[in-house]
Amino acid sequence: MYLHLGQNVVVPEDSVVCILDLDNTTGSHITRKFLSEAEKRGRVISVSDELPKAFVVCGEATGRGAAVGSAFGLAVDDDMKVYLSQLTTQTLLKRSGAPV
């Protein structure tokens, strides 16, 4: 299955590590540091020209465990991508079919 992030961008659901609200999480210096590092490495992809409301961290489907550890350890892997989406976390979760 695939998750539609908006503006004709889809990712495999099994590659999604986490879906986070941008307003709530960027208050933390840890999240800001992670996003800054991802941007420096060219791993951030903006899905829309609109103001982003959420970001989705994805890793290779085969390396998801490593991507989870890297996401929360602030290391950005080469297979990791961070998508900035204009959709809310609730909308993305509903689209994924995951229990809310």
PDB file of N, CA and C in Angstrom:
ATOM      1  N   MET A   1       0.838  -1.177   0.000  1.00  0.00           N
ATOM      2  CA  MET A   1       0.000   0.000   0.000  1.00  0.00           C
ATOM      3  C   MET A   1       0.888   1.248   0.000  1.00  0.00           C
ATOM      4  N   TYR A   2       0.295   2.337  -0.424  1.00  0.00           N
ATOM      5  CA  TYR A   2       1.007   3.605  -0.506  1.00  0.00           C
ATOM      6  C   TYR A   2       0.279   4.683   0.282  1.00  0.00           C
ATOM      7  N   LEU A   3       1.039   5.659   0.745  1.00  0.00           N
ATOM      8  CA  LEU A   3       0.488   6.798   1.466  1.00  0.00           C
ATOM      9  C   LEU A   3       0.646   8.032   0.595  1.00  0.00           C
ATOM     10  N   HIS A   4      -0.476   8.698   0.314  1.00  0.00           N
ATOM     11  CA  HIS A   4      -0.469   9.913  -0.498  1.00  0.00           C
ATOM     12  C   HIS A   4      -0.185  11.094   0.420  1.00  0.00           C
ATOM     13  N   LEU A   5       0.931  11.800   0.180  1.00  0.00           N
ATOM     14  CA  LEU A   5       1.351  12.912   1.025  1.00  0.00           C
ATOM     15  C   LEU A   5       0.854  14.261   0.528  1.00  0.00           C
ATOM     16  N   GLY A   6       0.252  14.288  -0.650  1.00  0.00           N
ATOM     17  CA  GLY A   6      -0.228  15.523  -1.257  1.00  0.00           C
ATOM     18  C   GLY A   6       0.556  15.833  -2.507  1.00  0.00           C
ATOM     19  N   GLN A   7      -0.062  16.618  -3.410  1.00  0.00           N
ATOM     20  CA  GLN A   7       0.586  17.072  -4.644  1.00  0.00           C
ATOM     21  C   GLN A   7       1.223  15.934  -5.441  1.00  0.00           C
ATOM     22  N   ASN A   8       0.500  14.840  -5.599  1.00  0.00           N
ATOM     23  CA  ASN A   8       0.948  13.703  -6.405  1.00  0.00           C
ATOM     24  C   ASN A   8       2.213  13.023  -5.882  1.00  0.00           C
ATOM     25  N   VAL A   9       2.477  13.142  -4.592  1.00  0.00           N
ATOM     26  CA  VAL A   9       3.619  12.455  -3.979  1.00  0.00           C
ATOM     27  C   VAL A   9       3.093  11.304  -3.134  1.00  0.00           C
ATOM     28  N   VAL A  10       3.570  10.106  -3.433  1.00  0.00           N
ATOM     29  CA  VAL A  10       3.193   8.923  -2.667  1.00  0.00           C
ATOM     30  C   VAL A  10       4.452   8.199  -2.208  1.00  0.00           C
ATOM     31  N   VAL A  11       4.349   7.546  -1.052  1.00  0.00           N
ATOM     32  CA  VAL A  11       5.457   6.749  -0.529  1.00  0.00           C
ATOM     33  C   VAL A  11       4.910   5.392  -0.091  1.00  0.00           C
ATOM     34  N   PRO A  12       5.716   4.350  -0.146  1.00  0.00           N
ATOM     35  CA  PRO A  12       5.254   3.050   0.358  1.00  0.00           C
ATOM     36  C   PRO A  12       4.978   3.151   1.862  1.00  0.00           C
ATOM     37  N   GLU A  13       3.831   2.638   2.285  1.00  0.00           N
ATOM     38  CA  GLU A  13       3.467   2.716   3.705  1.00  0.00           C
ATOM     39  C   GLU A  13       4.485   2.032   4.598  1.00  0.00           C
ATOM     40  N   ASP A  14       5.090   0.943   4.127  1.00  0.00           N
ATOM     41  CA  ASP A  14       6.033   0.230   4.985  1.00  0.00           C
ATOM     42  C   ASP A  14       7.361   0.965   5.138  1.00  0.00           C
ATOM     43  N   SER A  15       7.554   2.073   4.402  1.00  0.00           N
ATOM     44  CA  SER A  15       8.770   2.862   4.568  1.00  0.00           C
ATOM     45  C   SER A  15       8.576   4.019   5.553  1.00  0.00           C
ATOM     46  N   VAL A  16       7.325   4.263   5.976  1.00  0.00           N
ATOM     47  CA  VAL A  16       7.041   5.381   6.879  1.00  0.00           C
ATOM     48  C   VAL A  16       7.512   5.033   8.283  1.00  0.00           C
ATOM     49  N   VAL A  17       8.404   5.861   8.813  1.00  0.00           N
ATOM     50  CA  VAL A  17       8.921   5.673  10.164  1.00  0.00           C
ATOM     51  C   VAL A  17       8.024   6.405  11.154  1.00  0.00           C
ATOM     52  N   CYS A  18       7.695   7.666  10.852  1.00  0.00           N
ATOM     53  CA  CYS A  18       6.810   8.425  11.732  1.00  0.00           C
ATOM     54  C   CYS A  18       6.202   9.600  10.980  1.00  0.00           C
ATOM     55  N   ILE A  19       5.051  10.044  11.478  1.00  0.00           N
ATOM     56  CA  ILE A  19       4.355  11.216  10.970  1.00  0.00           C
ATOM     57  C   ILE A  19       4.227  12.169  12.145  1.00  0.00           C
ATOM     58  N   LEU A  20       4.800  13.371  12.006  1.00  0.00           N
ATOM     59  CA  LEU A  20       4.850  14.303  13.127  1.00  0.00           C
ATOM     60  C   LEU A  20       4.269  15.659  12.768  1.00  0.00           C
ATOM     61  N   ASP A  21       3.593  16.275  13.735  1.00  0.00           N
ATOM     62  CA  ASP A  21       3.045  17.617  13.573  1.00  0.00           C
ATOM     63  C   ASP A  21       4.180  18.626  13.663  1.00  0.00           C
ATOM     64  N   LEU A  22       4.283  19.476  12.682  1.00  0.00           N
ATOM     65  CA  LEU A  22       5.397  20.426  12.624  1.00  0.00           C
ATOM     66  C   LEU A  22       5.318  21.468  13.732  1.00  0.00           C
ATOM     67  N   ASP A  23       4.126  21.985  14.015  1.00  0.00           N
ATOM     68  CA  ASP A  23       3.978  23.005  15.058  1.00  0.00           C
ATOM     69  C   ASP A  23       4.331  22.469  16.443  1.00  0.00           C
ATOM     70  N   ASN A  24       3.878  21.271  16.757  1.00  0.00           N
ATOM     71  CA  ASN A  24       4.092  20.709  18.090  1.00  0.00           C
ATOM     72  C   ASN A  24       5.511  20.205  18.323  1.00  0.00           C
ATOM     73  N   THR A  25       6.171  19.746  17.288  1.00  0.00           N
ATOM     74  CA  THR A  25       7.475  19.121  17.500  1.00  0.00           C
ATOM     75  C   THR A  25       8.658  20.064  17.301  1.00  0.00           C
ATOM     76  N   THR A  26       8.485  21.137  16.551  1.00  0.00           N
ATOM     77  CA  THR A  26       9.623  22.017  16.302  1.00  0.00           C
ATOM     78  C   THR A  26       9.931  22.928  17.475  1.00  0.00           C
ATOM     79  N   GLY A  27       9.150  22.848  18.528  1.00  0.00           N
ATOM     80  CA  GLY A  27       9.483  23.565  19.760  1.00  0.00           C
ATOM     81  C   GLY A  27      10.677  22.936  20.457  1.00  0.00           C
ATOM     82  N   SER A  28      10.962  21.691  20.126  1.00  0.00           N
ATOM     83  CA  SER A  28      12.074  20.964  20.729  1.00  0.00           C
ATOM     84  C   SER A  28      13.359  21.213  19.944  1.00  0.00           C
ATOM     85  N   HIS A  29      14.436  21.496  20.644  1.00  0.00           N
ATOM     86  CA  HIS A  29      15.722  21.700  19.976  1.00  0.00           C
ATOM     87  C   HIS A  29      16.205  20.414  19.297  1.00  0.00           C
ATOM     88  N   ILE A  30      15.793  19.280  19.818  1.00  0.00           N
ATOM     89  CA  ILE A  30      16.193  17.994  19.238  1.00  0.00           C
ATOM     90  C   ILE A  30      15.584  17.840  17.847  1.00  0.00           C
ATOM     91  N   THR A  31      14.302  18.167  17.724  1.00  0.00           N
ATOM     92  CA  THR A  31      13.636  18.067  16.425  1.00  0.00           C
ATOM     93  C   THR A  31      14.214  19.073  15.442  1.00  0.00           C
ATOM     94  N   ARG A  32      14.452  20.288  15.903  1.00  0.00           N
ATOM     95  CA  ARG A  32      15.033  21.311  15.027  1.00  0.00           C
ATOM     96  C   ARG A  32      16.414  20.883  14.538  1.00  0.00           C
ATOM     97  N   LYS A  33      17.190  20.269  15.417  1.00  0.00           N
ATOM     98  CA  LYS A  33      18.520  19.789  15.044  1.00  0.00           C
ATOM     99  C   LYS A  33      18.413  18.665  14.002  1.00  0.00           C
ATOM    100  N   PHE A  34      17.468  17.753  14.207  1.00  0.00           N
ATOM    101  CA  PHE A  34      17.259  16.663  13.263  1.00  0.00           C
ATOM    102  C   PHE A  34      16.869  17.207  11.885  1.00  0.00           C
ATOM    103  N   LEU A  35      15.901  18.132  11.861  1.00  0.00           N
ATOM    104  CA  LEU A  35      15.447  18.694  10.591  1.00  0.00           C
ATOM    105  C   LEU A  35      16.558  19.496   9.906  1.00  0.00           C
ATOM    106  N   SER A  36      17.344  20.210  10.687  1.00  0.00           N
ATOM    107  CA  SER A  36      18.454  20.978  10.137  1.00  0.00           C
ATOM    108  C   SER A  36      19.490  20.056   9.494  1.00  0.00           C
ATOM    109  N   GLU A  37      19.816  18.976  10.178  1.00  0.00           N
ATOM    110  CA  GLU A  37      20.778  18.000   9.650  1.00  0.00           C
ATOM    111  C   GLU A  37      20.249  17.349   8.376  1.00  0.00           C
ATOM    112  N   ALA A  38      18.962  16.994   8.381  1.00  0.00           N
ATOM    113  CA  ALA A  38      18.353  16.389   7.190  1.00  0.00           C
ATOM    114  C   ALA A  38      18.394  17.361   6.017  1.00  0.00           C
ATOM    115  N   GLU A  39      18.146  18.627   6.282  1.00  0.00           N
ATOM    116  CA  GLU A  39      18.171  19.629   5.220  1.00  0.00           C
ATOM    117  C   GLU A  39      19.589  19.820   4.679  1.00  0.00           C
ATOM    118  N   LYS A  40      20.577  19.852   5.565  1.00  0.00           N
ATOM    119  CA  LYS A  40      21.972  19.994   5.135  1.00  0.00           C
ATOM    120  C   LYS A  40      22.393  18.853   4.218  1.00  0.00           C
ATOM    121  N   ARG A  41      21.880  17.657   4.486  1.00  0.00           N
ATOM    122  CA  ARG A  41      22.240  16.475   3.696  1.00  0.00           C
ATOM    123  C   ARG A  41      21.363  16.307   2.451  1.00  0.00           C
ATOM    124  N   GLY A  42      20.444  17.250   2.246  1.00  0.00           N
ATOM    125  CA  GLY A  42      19.582  17.179   1.071  1.00  0.00           C
ATOM    126  C   GLY A  42      18.514  16.114   1.160  1.00  0.00           C
ATOM    127  N   ARG A  43      18.119  15.759   2.374  1.00  0.00           N
ATOM    128  CA  ARG A  43      17.148  14.684   2.582  1.00  0.00           C
ATOM    129  C   ARG A  43      15.723  15.208   2.775  1.00  0.00           C
ATOM    130  N   VAL A  44      15.526  16.543   2.767  1.00  0.00           N
ATOM    131  CA  VAL A  44      14.199  17.128   2.977  1.00  0.00           C
ATOM    132  C   VAL A  44      13.557  17.421   1.623  1.00  0.00           C
ATOM    133  N   ILE A  45      12.328  16.948   1.469  1.00  0.00           N
ATOM    134  CA  ILE A  45      11.578  17.149   0.233  1.00  0.00           C
ATOM    135  C   ILE A  45      10.278  17.849   0.583  1.00  0.00           C
ATOM    136  N   SER A  46      10.069  19.026   0.020  1.00  0.00           N
ATOM    137  CA  SER A  46       8.830  19.751   0.255  1.00  0.00           C
ATOM    138  C   SER A  46       7.801  19.288  -0.767  1.00  0.00           C
ATOM    139  N   VAL A  47       6.665  18.833  -0.275  1.00  0.00           N
ATOM    140  CA  VAL A  47       5.620  18.294  -1.128  1.00  0.00           C
ATOM    141  C   VAL A  47       4.818  19.411  -1.783  1.00  0.00           C
ATOM    142  N   SER A  48       4.741  20.577  -1.151  1.00  0.00           N
ATOM    143  CA  SER A  48       3.896  21.663  -1.635  1.00  0.00           C
ATOM    144  C   SER A  48       4.557  23.010  -1.381  1.00  0.00           C
ATOM    145  N   ASP A  49       4.094  24.016  -2.096  1.00  0.00           N
ATOM    146  CA  ASP A  49       4.563  25.380  -1.850  1.00  0.00           C
ATOM    147  C   ASP A  49       3.833  26.017  -0.674  1.00  0.00           C
ATOM    148  N   GLU A  50       2.785  25.360  -0.196  1.00  0.00           N
ATOM    149  CA  GLU A  50       2.028  25.867   0.945  1.00  0.00           C
ATOM    150  C   GLU A  50       2.808  25.651   2.243  1.00  0.00           C
ATOM    151  N   LEU A  51       2.361  26.329   3.295  1.00  0.00           N
ATOM    152  CA  LEU A  51       2.987  26.192   4.603  1.00  0.00           C
ATOM    153  C   LEU A  51       2.830  24.755   5.098  1.00  0.00           C
ATOM    154  N   PRO A  52       3.931  24.069   5.419  1.00  0.00           N
ATOM    155  CA  PRO A  52       3.820  22.677   5.868  1.00  0.00           C
ATOM    156  C   PRO A  52       3.208  22.575   7.260  1.00  0.00           C
ATOM    157  N   LYS A  53       2.413  21.524   7.449  1.00  0.00           N
ATOM    158  CA  LYS A  53       1.777  21.274   8.743  1.00  0.00           C
ATOM    159  C   LYS A  53       2.334  20.021   9.408  1.00  0.00           C
ATOM    160  N   ALA A  54       2.925  19.152   8.604  1.00  0.00           N
ATOM    161  CA  ALA A  54       3.440  17.890   9.147  1.00  0.00           C
ATOM    162  C   ALA A  54       4.693  17.497   8.384  1.00  0.00           C
ATOM    163  N   PHE A  55       5.480  16.634   9.008  1.00  0.00           N
ATOM    164  CA  PHE A  55       6.584  16.024   8.274  1.00  0.00           C
ATOM    165  C   PHE A  55       6.562  14.531   8.488  1.00  0.00           C
ATOM    166  N   VAL A  56       6.945  13.829   7.429  1.00  0.00           N
ATOM    167  CA  VAL A  56       6.911  12.370   7.409  1.00  0.00           C
ATOM    168  C   VAL A  56       8.336  11.881   7.199  1.00  0.00           C
ATOM    169  N   VAL A  57       8.828  11.083   8.131  1.00  0.00           N
ATOM    170  CA  VAL A  57      10.167  10.509   8.022  1.00  0.00           C
ATOM    171  C   VAL A  57      10.027   9.119   7.409  1.00  0.00           C
ATOM    172  N   CYS A  58      10.738   8.895   6.304  1.00  0.00           N
ATOM    173  CA  CYS A  58      10.685   7.607   5.616  1.00  0.00           C
ATOM    174  C   CYS A  58      12.093   7.044   5.476  1.00  0.00           C
ATOM    175  N   GLY A  59      12.177   5.736   5.511  1.00  0.00           N
ATOM    176  CA  GLY A  59      13.431   5.030   5.276  1.00  0.00           C
ATOM    177  C   GLY A  59      13.168   3.912   4.300  1.00  0.00           C
ATOM    178  N   GLU A  60      14.215   3.294   3.799  1.00  0.00           N
ATOM    179  CA  GLU A  60      14.046   2.153   2.912  1.00  0.00           C
ATOM    180  C   GLU A  60      13.220   1.098   3.628  1.00  0.00           C
ATOM    181  N   ALA A  61      12.338   0.458   2.911  1.00  0.00           N
ATOM    182  CA  ALA A  61      11.468  -0.549   3.513  1.00  0.00           C
ATOM    183  C   ALA A  61      12.276  -1.659   4.177  1.00  0.00           C
ATOM    184  N   THR A  62      13.421  -2.006   3.602  1.00  0.00           N
ATOM    185  CA  THR A  62      14.230  -3.079   4.173  1.00  0.00           C
ATOM    186  C   THR A  62      15.040  -2.616   5.372  1.00  0.00           C
ATOM    187  N   GLY A  63      15.260  -1.297   5.488  1.00  0.00           N
ATOM    188  CA  GLY A  63      16.081  -0.784   6.571  1.00  0.00           C
ATOM    189  C   GLY A  63      15.298   0.040   7.574  1.00  0.00           C
ATOM    190  N   ARG A  64      14.025  -0.274   7.728  1.00  0.00           N
ATOM    191  CA  ARG A  64      13.167   0.546   8.585  1.00  0.00           C
ATOM    192  C   ARG A  64      13.647   0.583  10.023  1.00  0.00           C
ATOM    193  N   GLY A  65      14.109  -0.535  10.553  1.00  0.00           N
ATOM    194  CA  GLY A  65      14.598  -0.551  11.933  1.00  0.00           C
ATOM    195  C   GLY A  65      15.769   0.397  12.124  1.00  0.00           C
ATOM    196  N   ALA A  66      16.673   0.417  11.153  1.00  0.00           N
ATOM    197  CA  ALA A  66      17.806   1.336  11.217  1.00  0.00           C
ATOM    198  C   ALA A  66      17.339   2.772  11.101  1.00  0.00           C
ATOM    199  N   ALA A  67      16.329   2.997  10.259  1.00  0.00           N
ATOM    200  CA  ALA A  67      15.808   4.358  10.083  1.00  0.00           C
ATOM    201  C   ALA A  67      15.158   4.857  11.369  1.00  0.00           C
ATOM    202  N   VAL A  68      14.450   3.990  12.080  1.00  0.00           N
ATOM    203  CA  VAL A  68      13.828   4.387  13.344  1.00  0.00           C
ATOM    204  C   VAL A  68      14.906   4.783  14.339  1.00  0.00           C
ATOM    205  N   GLY A  69      15.938   3.977  14.472  1.00  0.00           N
ATOM    206  CA  GLY A  69      17.021   4.298  15.386  1.00  0.00           C
ATOM    207  C   GLY A  69      17.717   5.584  15.006  1.00  0.00           C
ATOM    208  N   SER A  70      17.906   5.781  13.717  1.00  0.00           N
ATOM    209  CA  SER A  70      18.566   7.000  13.254  1.00  0.00           C
ATOM    210  C   SER A  70      17.697   8.218  13.483  1.00  0.00           C
ATOM    211  N   ALA A  71      16.410   8.093  13.250  1.00  0.00           N
ATOM    212  CA  ALA A  71      15.512   9.239  13.407  1.00  0.00           C
ATOM    213  C   ALA A  71      15.533   9.739  14.838  1.00  0.00           C
ATOM    214  N   PHE A  72      15.545   8.831  15.778  1.00  0.00           N
ATOM    215  CA  PHE A  72      15.499   9.252  17.165  1.00  0.00           C
ATOM    216  C   PHE A  72      16.882   9.417  17.773  1.00  0.00           C
ATOM    217  N   GLY A  73      17.912   9.037  17.028  1.00  0.00           N
ATOM    218  CA  GLY A  73      19.272   9.267  17.478  1.00  0.00           C
ATOM    219  C   GLY A  73      19.911  10.469  16.791  1.00  0.00           C
ATOM    220  N   LEU A  74      19.116  11.175  16.006  1.00  0.00           N
ATOM    221  CA  LEU A  74      19.531  12.388  15.300  1.00  0.00           C
ATOM    222  C   LEU A  74      20.524  12.155  14.173  1.00  0.00           C
ATOM    223  N   ALA A  75      20.763  10.937  13.803  1.00  0.00           N
ATOM    224  CA  ALA A  75      21.624  10.675  12.661  1.00  0.00           C
ATOM    225  C   ALA A  75      20.741  10.507  11.434  1.00  0.00           C
ATOM    226  N   VAL A  76      21.114  11.155  10.359  1.00  0.00           N
ATOM    227  CA  VAL A  76      20.333  11.074   9.133  1.00  0.00           C
ATOM    228  C   VAL A  76      21.017  10.096   8.198  1.00  0.00           C
ATOM    229  N   ASP A  77      20.340   8.983   7.918  1.00  0.00           N
ATOM    230  CA  ASP A  77      20.880   7.962   7.015  1.00  0.00           C
ATOM    231  C   ASP A  77      20.762   8.410   5.569  1.00  0.00           C
ATOM    232  N   ASP A  78      21.539   7.775   4.708  1.00  0.00           N
ATOM    233  CA  ASP A  78      21.465   8.080   3.286  1.00  0.00           C
ATOM    234  C   ASP A  78      20.153   7.610   2.670  1.00  0.00           C
ATOM    235  N   ASP A  79      19.512   6.602   3.273  1.00  0.00           N
ATOM    236  CA  ASP A  79      18.247   6.118   2.721  1.00  0.00           C
ATOM    237  C   ASP A  79      17.034   6.828   3.341  1.00  0.00           C
ATOM    238  N   MET A  80      17.260   7.739   4.249  1.00  0.00           N
ATOM    239  CA  MET A  80      16.177   8.435   4.926  1.00  0.00           C
ATOM    240  C   MET A  80      15.757   9.673   4.139  1.00  0.00           C
ATOM    241  N   LYS A  81      14.434   9.905   4.097  1.00  0.00           N
ATOM    242  CA  LYS A  81      13.901  11.118   3.480  1.00  0.00           C
ATOM    243  C   LYS A  81      12.888  11.725   4.436  1.00  0.00           C
ATOM    244  N   VAL A  82      12.846  13.045   4.460  1.00  0.00           N
ATOM    245  CA  VAL A  82      11.888  13.766   5.290  1.00  0.00           C
ATOM    246  C   VAL A  82      11.011  14.578   4.349  1.00  0.00           C
ATOM    247  N   TYR A  83       9.729  14.251   4.330  1.00  0.00           N
ATOM    248  CA  TYR A  83       8.783  14.950   3.467  1.00  0.00           C
ATOM    249  C   TYR A  83       8.017  15.983   4.280  1.00  0.00           C
ATOM    250  N   LEU A  84       7.989  17.229   3.798  1.00  0.00           N
ATOM    251  CA  LEU A  84       7.185  18.271   4.414  1.00  0.00           C
ATOM    252  C   LEU A  84       5.857  18.314   3.667  1.00  0.00           C
ATOM    253  N   SER A  85       4.755  18.142   4.395  1.00  0.00           N
ATOM    254  CA  SER A  85       3.434  18.074   3.769  1.00  0.00           C
ATOM    255  C   SER A  85       2.520  19.172   4.284  1.00  0.00           C
ATOM    256  N   GLN A  86       1.687  19.687   3.407  1.00  0.00           N
ATOM    257  CA  GLN A  86       0.707  20.690   3.794  1.00  0.00           C
ATOM    258  C   GLN A  86      -0.496  20.056   4.494  1.00  0.00           C
ATOM    259  N   LEU A  87      -0.556  18.737   4.506  1.00  0.00           N
ATOM    260  CA  LEU A  87      -1.656  18.027   5.158  1.00  0.00           C
ATOM    261  C   LEU A  87      -1.374  17.872   6.652  1.00  0.00           C
ATOM    262  N   THR A  88      -2.439  17.789   7.436  1.00  0.00           N
ATOM    263  CA  THR A  88      -2.276  17.601   8.882  1.00  0.00           C
ATOM    264  C   THR A  88      -1.927  16.150   9.187  1.00  0.00           C
ATOM    265  N   THR A  89      -1.415  15.927  10.384  1.00  0.00           N
ATOM    266  CA  THR A  89      -1.090  14.554  10.797  1.00  0.00           C
ATOM    267  C   THR A  89      -2.347  13.690  10.826  1.00  0.00           C
ATOM    268  N   GLN A  90      -3.462  14.263  11.241  1.00  0.00           N
ATOM    269  CA  GLN A  90      -4.713  13.498  11.282  1.00  0.00           C
ATOM    270  C   GLN A  90      -5.132  13.037   9.886  1.00  0.00           C
ATOM    271  N   THR A  91      -5.019  13.925   8.912  1.00  0.00           N
ATOM    272  CA  THR A  91      -5.358  13.553   7.535  1.00  0.00           C
ATOM    273  C   THR A  91      -4.431  12.454   7.022  1.00  0.00           C
ATOM    274  N   LEU A  92      -3.135  12.597   7.290  1.00  0.00           N
ATOM    275  CA  LEU A  92      -2.182  11.586   6.843  1.00  0.00           C
ATOM    276  C   LEU A  92      -2.428  10.240   7.525  1.00  0.00           C
ATOM    277  N   LEU A  93      -2.747  10.266   8.807  1.00  0.00           N
ATOM    278  CA  LEU A  93      -3.049   9.015   9.516  1.00  0.00           C
ATOM    279  C   LEU A  93      -4.300   8.350   8.981  1.00  0.00           C
ATOM    280  N   LYS A  94      -5.319   9.132   8.662  1.00  0.00           N
ATOM    281  CA  LYS A  94      -6.547   8.562   8.082  1.00  0.00           C
ATOM    282  C   LYS A  94      -6.245   7.937   6.726  1.00  0.00           C
ATOM    283  N   ARG A  95      -5.431   8.608   5.938  1.00  0.00           N
ATOM    284  CA  ARG A  95      -5.075   8.078   4.619  1.00  0.00           C
ATOM    285  C   ARG A  95      -4.281   6.791   4.731  1.00  0.00           C
ATOM    286  N   SER A  96      -3.515   6.658   5.797  1.00  0.00           N
ATOM    287  CA  SER A  96      -2.686   5.461   5.961  1.00  0.00           C
ATOM    288  C   SER A  96      -3.504   4.250   6.405  1.00  0.00           C
ATOM    289  N   GLY A  97      -4.664   4.493   6.965  1.00  0.00           N
ATOM    290  CA  GLY A  97      -5.484   3.392   7.452  1.00  0.00           C
ATOM    291  C   GLY A  97      -5.063   2.905   8.829  1.00  0.00           C
ATOM    292  N   ALA A  98      -4.090   3.579   9.424  1.00  0.00           N
ATOM    293  CA  ALA A  98      -3.621   3.192  10.760  1.00  0.00           C
ATOM    294  C   ALA A  98      -4.656   3.604  11.801  1.00  0.00           C
ATOM    295  N   PRO A  99      -4.800   2.830  12.877  1.00  0.00           N
ATOM    296  CA  PRO A  99      -5.758   3.203  13.922  1.00  0.00           C
ATOM    297  C   PRO A  99      -5.329   4.517  14.583  1.00  0.00           C
ATOM    298  N   VAL A 100      -6.286   5.401  14.764  1.00  0.00           N
ATOM    299  CA  VAL A 100      -5.989   6.725  15.344  1.00  0.00           C
ATOM    300  C   VAL A 100      -6.227   6.713  16.821  1.00  0.00           C
TER     301      VAL A 100
END
